[in-house]
C-alpha cells in the first residue's frame, strides 16, 4: 500500500458552538478528563513548538504537569535547546492529539518561567532517579557515549545522595494562552474546528472551515 493511500474517516463525534464552554480552559479540562477516562495513551503528552532568533521552528514532545486560568505548565532544563529558543523568542505553540477520540487541541501564546517556589514544589515531588538525572544531564549538549552519561549520573548520586536540590537551570514554564482551537475529526475531512481568541473584552468563539 502506498503511503498516499493511508487514511481514516473520522466518525466518532461532532463539535458545535453550542457544545463548548464559554471559557477555553474549562473546555480543555472537559476534553482532558474525557481523554483520561478513555485511557488514551500518554494523554498528557503534547508537542511543544518554539522558534529561535533566526526564525527556525523546532518541535518536541513534553508532558503537561498543570493547567489553570493562568496557563499550561511543563518542566525542563532551562539550558536546553527549547530553553534557548524561549530566551530569544518567548512565544510558542502546544498541540495535543488524542487519536483514540479523533481530537486535537492547539494552544498558542506567550511563554514565561514559573516561580522558583512552584518549580521547587514540583521538583521535590519527582521520583529520585528523575531528580538525580536533572543534575547528570546537560540537556541538548553533545556527548561521546552513554557510558559518560552514566558516569555523570554516578557523580551526581555521589554528590547529592537521595536529597538532590533543584538545579538552578531546571524548572517550569507556563504558556499563557491567546488562542485555543478544539478540533473534532469528522467524515470526509469536513472536521469541526472551534477556536477561542483572546480579546480585550474576553474570549471570542468562532467556527473555522476545515
Protein backbone atom coordinates (compact mmCIF):
# COMPACT_ATOMS: atom_id res chain seq x y z
CA UNK A 1 0.00 0.00 0.00
CA UNK A 2 1.23 3.49 -0.84
CA UNK A 3 1.65 6.00 1.98
CA UNK A 4 -0.66 8.26 -0.01
CA UNK A 5 -3.42 5.67 0.46
CA UNK A 6 -3.23 5.69 4.25
CA UNK A 7 -6.32 7.44 5.60
CA UNK A 8 -9.03 7.15 8.24
CA UNK A 9 -12.54 8.53 8.06
CA UNK A 10 -13.38 10.13 11.42
CA UNK A 11 -16.91 9.40 12.60
CA UNK A 12 -16.94 9.24 16.41
CA UNK A 13 -18.31 12.63 17.40
CA UNK A 14 -19.18 16.18 16.43
CA UNK A 15 -18.47 19.61 17.93
CA UNK A 16 -20.76 22.62 17.75
CA UNK A 17 -20.55 26.13 19.13
CA UNK A 18 -23.42 25.27 21.47
CA UNK A 19 -21.44 22.31 22.86
CA UNK A 20 -18.44 24.20 24.21
CA UNK A 21 -17.87 26.11 27.44
CA UNK A 22 -17.57 29.90 27.36
CA UNK A 23 -14.08 29.56 28.85
CA UNK A 24 -11.45 27.64 26.86
CA UNK A 25 -9.57 26.35 29.92
CA UNK A 26 -12.82 24.84 31.19
CA UNK A 27 -13.37 23.29 27.77
CA UNK A 28 -9.82 21.91 27.76
CA UNK A 29 -10.36 20.42 31.21
CA UNK A 30 -13.50 18.67 29.97
CA UNK A 31 -11.73 17.15 26.98
CA UNK A 32 -8.64 16.25 29.03
CA UNK A 33 -10.78 14.34 31.55
CA UNK A 34 -12.51 12.52 28.70
CA UNK A 35 -9.10 11.54 27.29
CA UNK A 36 -8.07 10.16 30.69
CA UNK A 37 -11.35 8.27 31.09
CA UNK A 38 -10.88 6.78 27.62
CA UNK A 39 -7.40 5.53 28.64
CA UNK A 40 -5.77 7.46 25.81
CA UNK A 41 -2.08 6.56 25.86
CA UNK A 42 0.02 9.43 27.23
CA UNK A 43 -2.97 11.78 27.29
CA UNK A 44 -0.72 14.36 28.97
CA UNK A 45 1.79 14.34 26.11
CA UNK A 46 1.88 17.45 23.95
CA UNK A 47 4.01 18.76 21.13
CA UNK A 48 5.79 21.99 22.07
CA UNK A 49 6.91 24.17 19.16
CA UNK A 50 9.37 27.03 19.60
CA UNK A 51 11.19 29.36 17.20
CA UNK A 52 14.77 30.56 17.58
CA UNK A 53 16.19 34.01 16.84
CA UNK A 54 16.85 33.00 13.22
CA UNK A 55 13.18 32.13 12.74
CA UNK A 56 13.74 28.38 12.60
CA UNK A 57 11.00 26.30 14.27
CA UNK A 58 11.57 23.22 16.38
CA UNK A 59 9.10 20.76 17.94
CA UNK A 60 9.33 18.06 20.60
CA UNK A 61 7.04 16.11 22.92
CA UNK A 62 6.81 17.25 26.55
CA UNK A 63 4.34 16.39 29.34
CA UNK A 64 1.82 18.84 30.72
CA UNK A 65 2.01 18.95 34.51
CA UNK A 66 -0.59 21.56 35.41
CA UNK A 67 -3.12 23.90 33.86
CA UNK A 68 -5.43 26.58 35.22
CA UNK A 69 -6.62 30.06 34.31
CA UNK A 70 -3.01 31.27 34.27
CA UNK A 71 -1.97 28.83 31.55
CA UNK A 72 -0.43 25.44 30.74
CA UNK A 73 2.73 24.24 32.53
CA UNK A 74 5.58 21.83 31.91
CA UNK A 75 9.11 21.39 33.28
CA UNK A 76 12.51 21.14 31.64
CA UNK A 77 16.15 22.19 31.64
CA UNK A 78 16.33 25.94 31.00
CA UNK A 79 19.68 25.42 29.20
CA UNK A 80 18.13 23.02 26.67
CA UNK A 81 17.53 23.87 23.02
CA UNK A 82 13.95 24.85 23.76
CA UNK A 83 15.14 26.95 26.69
CA UNK A 84 17.48 28.87 24.40
CA UNK A 85 14.68 29.33 21.85
CA UNK A 86 12.37 30.74 24.51
CA UNK A 87 15.04 33.10 25.82
CA UNK A 88 15.26 34.56 22.30
CA UNK A 89 11.59 34.36 21.31
CA UNK A 90 9.14 33.84 24.21
CA UNK A 91 6.23 32.57 22.14
CA UNK A 92 5.24 29.04 21.30
CA UNK A 93 2.52 26.53 20.49
CA UNK A 94 1.24 23.35 22.11
CA UNK A 95 -0.55 20.52 20.33
CA UNK A 96 -2.44 17.63 21.89
CA UNK A 97 -3.54 14.81 19.57
CA UNK A 98 -5.85 12.25 21.14
CA UNK A 99 -6.18 9.88 18.22
CA UNK A 100 -8.49 7.45 20.04
CA UNK A 101 -11.02 10.28 20.38
CA UNK A 102 -10.26 11.78 16.95
CA UNK A 103 -9.44 15.11 18.61
CA UNK A 104 -6.77 17.78 18.58
CA UNK A 105 -6.26 20.84 20.77
CA UNK A 106 -3.96 23.63 19.54
CA UNK A 107 -2.82 26.30 22.01
CA UNK A 108 -0.73 29.38 21.19
CA UNK A 109 0.60 32.19 23.34
CA UNK A 110 3.42 33.77 25.28
CA UNK A 111 5.66 31.53 27.39
CA UNK A 112 7.15 32.55 30.73
CA UNK A 113 9.05 30.88 33.54
CA UNK A 114 7.02 29.96 36.59
CA UNK A 115 8.15 30.95 40.09
CA UNK A 116 11.09 29.27 41.80
CA UNK A 117 8.72 28.16 44.57
CA UNK A 118 6.45 26.36 42.10
CA UNK A 119 9.46 24.72 40.45
CA UNK A 120 10.82 23.61 43.83
CA UNK A 121 7.50 22.09 44.80
CA UNK A 122 7.23 20.04 41.62
CA UNK A 123 10.91 19.04 41.56
CA UNK A 124 10.72 17.51 45.02
CA UNK A 125 7.62 15.52 44.05
CA UNK A 126 9.51 13.73 41.27
CA UNK A 127 10.96 10.21 41.59
CA UNK A 128 14.50 10.18 42.99
CA UNK A 129 16.03 8.98 39.73
CA UNK A 130 14.49 11.86 37.81
CA UNK A 131 15.82 14.38 40.34
CA UNK A 132 19.30 12.88 40.12
CA UNK A 133 19.09 12.81 36.33
CA UNK A 134 18.37 16.55 36.25
CA UNK A 135 21.85 17.07 37.69
CA UNK A 136 23.51 14.46 35.47
CA UNK A 137 22.34 15.58 32.03
CA UNK A 138 23.44 18.73 30.21
CA UNK A 139 20.33 18.59 28.04
CA UNK A 140 20.74 19.07 24.28
CA UNK A 141 24.57 19.12 24.51
CA UNK A 142 26.63 16.54 22.56
CA UNK A 143 28.12 13.62 24.49
CA UNK A 144 30.57 10.99 23.31
CA UNK A 145 28.84 7.93 24.75
CA UNK A 146 26.14 6.55 27.02
CA UNK A 147 28.91 5.46 29.39
CA UNK A 148 29.89 9.09 30.01
CA UNK A 149 26.26 9.98 30.78
CA UNK A 150 26.14 7.15 33.31
CA UNK A 151 29.39 8.44 34.85
CA UNK A 152 27.81 11.87 35.21
CA UNK A 153 24.83 10.26 36.92
CA UNK A 154 27.11 8.38 39.32
CA UNK A 155 28.84 11.65 40.17
CA UNK A 156 25.50 13.34 40.89
CA UNK A 157 24.43 10.45 43.10
CA UNK A 158 27.73 10.56 44.96
CA UNK A 159 27.45 14.31 45.46
CA UNK A 160 23.79 14.63 46.43
CA UNK A 161 22.68 11.15 47.51
CA UNK A 162 18.92 10.86 47.96
CA UNK A 163 18.40 14.58 48.63
CA UNK A 164 19.35 16.35 45.37
CA UNK A 165 18.34 20.03 45.34
CA UNK A 166 16.62 21.53 42.34
CA UNK A 167 19.29 22.72 39.92
CA UNK A 168 19.11 26.44 39.15
CA UNK A 169 18.94 25.57 35.43
CA UNK A 170 15.85 23.37 35.85
CA UNK A 171 12.27 24.50 36.30
CA UNK A 172 8.87 25.18 34.84
CA UNK A 173 7.41 27.18 32.00
CA UNK A 174 3.86 28.39 31.55
CA UNK A 175 2.21 29.13 28.21
CA UNK A 176 -0.28 31.96 28.71
CA UNK A 177 -2.89 31.24 26.04
CA UNK A 178 -4.03 33.74 23.45
CA UNK A 179 -5.56 31.28 21.00
CA UNK A 180 -7.01 27.80 21.54
CA UNK A 181 -8.52 25.59 18.85
CA UNK A 182 -10.60 22.48 19.52
CA UNK A 183 -10.66 20.11 16.55
CA UNK A 184 -13.01 17.17 16.23
CA UNK A 185 -12.50 14.82 13.32
CA UNK A 186 -15.49 14.37 11.02
CA UNK A 187 -16.27 12.30 7.97
CA UNK A 188 -14.94 13.27 4.52
CA UNK A 189 -12.38 15.62 6.14
CA UNK A 190 -15.13 18.13 6.96
CA UNK A 191 -13.81 18.45 10.51
CA UNK A 192 -15.32 20.63 13.24
CA UNK A 193 -12.99 23.44 14.34
CA UNK A 194 -13.94 25.79 17.17
CA UNK A 195 -11.40 28.50 18.07
CA UNK A 196 -11.17 30.82 21.08
CA UNK A 197 -9.38 34.16 20.56
CA UNK A 198 -8.31 36.35 23.48
CA UNK A 199 -9.59 39.92 23.17
CA UNK A 200 -9.75 42.93 25.46
CA UNK A 201 -13.37 42.05 26.14
CA UNK A 202 -12.68 38.39 26.88
CA UNK A 203 -12.75 35.19 24.82
CA UNK A 204 -14.30 35.31 21.35
CA UNK A 205 -15.52 31.98 19.91
CA UNK A 206 -15.54 31.26 16.17
CA UNK A 207 -16.04 28.29 13.89
CA UNK A 208 -13.34 27.74 11.28
CA UNK A 209 -13.73 25.97 7.96
CA UNK A 210 -11.91 22.64 7.81
